[in-house]
């Protein structure tokens, strides 16, 4: 499947075959492409929690106001991000770069994020969103459908997955074999309303 086709055909599917099982090879391939997503300063602060345990899945469904996709999907991912990844051995992120690049970027990371809590949080959402799109398009390439989710109790899900205190949840994604097509698109705004040149 080419990228244009995947973008057009990717829809938010809510109903999955609960009997379908994704192979470990498929899941590994999916996530190998997820981690190629770009992040600011290459800090790779996303963390992807795969929820397999049936009891935890049921708890998350309860925290998602009963949405069946949580338990019916072949794969449930909770996308999280480490707010403080920027200060956790940042040399790891540039270990293969030339020394002059490291000498410039490592201090720049500290300068950009130190005491800039809003920037730390904003980057988590930006980077997770980019990764989410990679995941959903790659899922389509592998013959699966998906749905990004924010309709859940974030605090409750954080407890269920034992979220560290310096991490946040950004969204969830369900992936599997659809049993019902997505509804027709609700209505796209005209391109000229959303695509502007130079200013509003």
Protein backbone atom coordinates (compact mmCIF):
# COMPACT_ATOMS: atom_id res chain seq x y z
CA UNK A 1 0.00 0.00 0.00
CA UNK A 2 1.41 3.42 -0.91
CA UNK A 3 1.36 6.36 1.48
CA UNK A 4 -1.40 8.22 -0.35
CA UNK A 5 -3.67 5.19 -0.23
CA UNK A 6 -2.93 4.62 3.47
CA UNK A 7 -3.76 8.24 4.31
CA UNK A 8 -7.06 8.09 2.40
CA UNK A 9 -8.10 4.69 3.76
CA UNK A 10 -7.03 5.17 7.36
CA UNK A 11 -10.19 5.77 9.34
CA UNK A 12 -11.07 5.61 13.03
CA UNK A 13 -12.57 2.14 13.38
CA UNK A 14 -14.50 1.34 16.56
CA UNK A 15 -15.37 -2.34 16.12
CA UNK A 16 -12.75 -5.09 15.97
CA UNK A 17 -12.71 -8.88 15.78
CA UNK A 18 -11.96 -9.93 19.38
CA UNK A 19 -10.73 -13.34 18.21
CA UNK A 20 -8.02 -12.01 15.93
CA UNK A 21 -4.48 -12.19 17.29
CA UNK A 22 -1.64 -10.13 15.87
CA UNK A 23 1.63 -12.01 15.61
CA UNK A 24 4.63 -10.91 17.63
CA UNK A 25 6.44 -10.28 14.36
CA UNK A 26 3.69 -7.90 13.22
CA UNK A 27 3.71 -6.01 16.51
CA UNK A 28 7.50 -5.75 16.49
CA UNK A 29 7.48 -4.46 12.93
CA UNK A 30 4.79 -1.93 13.77
CA UNK A 31 6.75 -0.58 16.73
CA UNK A 32 10.07 -0.56 14.87
CA UNK A 33 8.49 1.97 12.53
CA UNK A 34 6.89 3.87 15.40
CA UNK A 35 10.29 4.63 16.91
CA UNK A 36 11.52 6.14 13.66
CA UNK A 37 9.22 9.09 14.37
CA UNK A 38 11.02 12.40 14.83
CA UNK A 39 11.35 14.06 18.22
CA UNK A 40 12.77 17.42 19.24
CA UNK A 41 16.50 17.13 19.93
CA UNK A 42 16.10 13.41 19.19
CA UNK A 43 15.20 12.80 22.84
CA UNK A 44 12.78 9.99 21.93
CA UNK A 45 10.67 10.62 25.00
CA UNK A 46 7.67 8.56 23.93
CA UNK A 47 6.94 5.34 25.79
CA UNK A 48 4.47 2.83 24.38
CA UNK A 49 2.63 0.62 26.84
CA UNK A 50 1.17 -2.50 25.27
CA UNK A 51 -1.66 -3.68 27.50
CA UNK A 52 -2.12 -7.43 27.17
CA UNK A 53 -3.46 -8.47 30.57
CA UNK A 54 -7.20 -9.12 30.22
CA UNK A 55 -8.01 -7.78 33.68
CA UNK A 56 -6.14 -4.54 32.96
CA UNK A 57 -7.87 -4.27 29.58
CA UNK A 58 -11.23 -4.57 31.31
CA UNK A 59 -10.23 -1.93 33.87
CA UNK A 60 -9.20 0.39 31.04
CA UNK A 61 -12.47 -0.28 29.24
CA UNK A 62 -14.31 0.68 32.41
CA UNK A 63 -12.21 3.85 32.57
CA UNK A 64 -13.13 4.50 28.92
CA UNK A 65 -16.83 4.62 29.61
CA UNK A 66 -17.40 1.11 28.31
CA UNK A 67 -15.93 1.49 24.83
CA UNK A 68 -15.70 -2.07 23.52
CA UNK A 69 -12.77 -1.35 21.22
CA UNK A 70 -10.50 -1.37 24.28
CA UNK A 71 -11.06 -5.08 24.88
CA UNK A 72 -11.94 -6.18 21.34
CA UNK A 73 -8.87 -4.77 19.58
CA UNK A 74 -5.93 -7.06 18.93
CA UNK A 75 -3.56 -4.44 20.31
CA UNK A 76 -4.10 -1.68 22.86
CA UNK A 77 -1.34 0.90 23.12
CA UNK A 78 -1.19 3.60 25.76
CA UNK A 79 1.05 6.34 24.41
CA UNK A 80 2.99 8.06 27.17
CA UNK A 81 5.93 10.41 27.32
CA UNK A 82 8.72 11.12 29.77
CA UNK A 83 8.61 14.80 30.72
CA UNK A 84 12.21 14.65 31.91
CA UNK A 85 13.78 12.56 29.16
CA UNK A 86 15.81 15.61 28.16
CA UNK A 87 17.92 15.38 31.33
CA UNK A 88 18.27 11.58 31.55
CA UNK A 89 21.66 10.86 30.01
CA UNK A 90 21.03 13.04 26.95
CA UNK A 91 24.36 11.95 25.48
CA UNK A 92 22.56 8.70 24.51
CA UNK A 93 20.52 10.57 21.92
CA UNK A 94 23.58 11.77 20.02
CA UNK A 95 26.08 8.98 20.66
CA UNK A 96 26.63 8.41 16.91
CA UNK A 97 26.98 12.08 16.01
CA UNK A 98 30.33 13.80 15.42
CA UNK A 99 31.85 15.29 18.56
CA UNK A 100 31.32 18.88 17.41
CA UNK A 101 27.60 18.16 16.98
CA UNK A 102 27.45 16.65 20.46
CA UNK A 103 29.29 19.62 21.91
CA UNK A 104 26.67 21.95 20.47
CA UNK A 105 23.47 19.96 21.01
CA UNK A 106 23.91 18.61 24.52
CA UNK A 107 24.16 22.06 26.16
CA UNK A 108 21.35 23.27 23.89
CA UNK A 109 19.04 20.55 25.22
CA UNK A 110 19.64 21.66 28.78
CA UNK A 111 19.25 25.32 27.92
CA UNK A 112 15.98 24.76 26.07
CA UNK A 113 14.22 22.63 28.68
CA UNK A 114 15.58 23.71 32.07
CA UNK A 115 12.71 25.34 34.00
CA UNK A 116 10.59 25.37 30.82
CA UNK A 117 7.86 23.05 32.03
CA UNK A 118 5.38 24.04 29.34
CA UNK A 119 7.94 23.27 26.64
CA UNK A 120 8.59 19.87 28.20
CA UNK A 121 4.88 19.05 28.17
CA UNK A 122 4.24 20.49 24.71
CA UNK A 123 7.03 18.39 23.22
CA UNK A 124 5.50 15.26 24.73
CA UNK A 125 2.22 15.87 22.92
CA UNK A 126 3.86 16.91 19.65
CA UNK A 127 6.16 13.91 19.51
CA UNK A 128 3.52 11.41 20.61
CA UNK A 129 1.13 12.72 17.97
CA UNK A 130 3.71 12.25 15.23
CA UNK A 131 4.43 8.73 16.49
CA UNK A 132 0.70 7.97 16.63
CA UNK A 133 0.31 8.81 12.96
CA UNK A 134 3.27 6.57 12.08
CA UNK A 135 1.64 3.75 14.06
CA UNK A 136 -1.76 4.14 12.41
CA UNK A 137 -0.38 4.39 8.87
CA UNK A 138 1.92 1.42 9.44
CA UNK A 139 -1.00 -0.54 10.87
CA UNK A 140 -2.87 0.15 7.62
CA UNK A 141 0.14 -1.06 5.64
CA UNK A 142 0.02 -4.32 7.65
CA UNK A 143 -3.68 -4.79 6.89
CA UNK A 144 -5.06 -3.48 10.19
CA UNK A 145 -7.35 -0.67 11.21
CA UNK A 146 -6.97 1.60 14.20
CA UNK A 147 -8.50 4.30 16.33
CA UNK A 148 -6.78 7.06 18.32
CA UNK A 149 -8.48 7.63 21.68
CA UNK A 150 -8.68 10.37 24.26
CA UNK A 151 -12.10 9.37 25.57
CA UNK A 152 -10.97 7.89 28.85
CA UNK A 153 -10.12 8.85 32.41
CA UNK A 154 -6.43 9.68 32.12
CA UNK A 155 -5.83 9.56 35.89
CA UNK A 156 -7.46 6.16 36.22
CA UNK A 157 -5.54 4.67 33.30
CA UNK A 158 -2.34 6.12 34.78
CA UNK A 159 -3.00 4.11 37.95
CA UNK A 160 -3.73 0.93 36.00
CA UNK A 161 -0.44 1.06 34.09
CA UNK A 162 1.57 2.35 37.08
CA UNK A 163 2.59 5.51 35.24
CA UNK A 164 5.78 7.04 36.70
CA UNK A 165 5.32 10.44 38.34
CA UNK A 166 7.37 12.25 35.68
CA UNK A 167 5.48 10.78 32.72
CA UNK A 168 2.18 11.74 31.12
CA UNK A 169 -0.33 9.84 29.00
CA UNK A 170 -0.99 11.52 25.66
CA UNK A 171 -3.53 9.15 24.05
CA UNK A 172 -4.37 5.50 23.41
CA UNK A 173 -4.57 3.63 20.11
CA UNK A 174 -6.57 0.49 19.40
CA UNK A 175 -5.50 -1.71 16.48
CA UNK A 176 -7.07 -4.80 14.97
CA UNK A 177 -9.18 -6.39 12.25
CA UNK A 178 -12.34 -4.36 11.75
CA UNK A 179 -15.76 -5.96 11.85
CA UNK A 180 -17.56 -2.78 10.79
CA UNK A 181 -16.47 0.00 8.47
CA UNK A 182 -15.99 3.48 9.84
CA UNK A 183 -18.87 5.84 9.21
CA UNK A 184 -18.60 8.08 6.16
CA UNK A 185 -16.47 11.15 6.73
CA UNK A 186 -18.50 13.70 8.62
CA UNK A 187 -17.49 16.63 6.46
CA UNK A 188 -14.10 18.03 5.53
CA UNK A 189 -13.53 21.77 5.60
CA UNK A 190 -12.56 23.31 2.28
CA UNK A 191 -8.81 23.40 1.70
CA UNK A 192 -8.86 27.18 1.23
CA UNK A 193 -10.35 27.60 4.72
CA UNK A 194 -7.47 25.84 6.46
CA UNK A 195 -4.52 26.35 4.06
CA UNK A 196 -3.39 29.98 4.06
CA UNK A 197 -0.37 31.83 2.73
CA UNK A 198 1.83 34.17 4.77
CA UNK A 199 -0.83 35.19 7.31
CA UNK A 200 -4.48 34.91 8.30
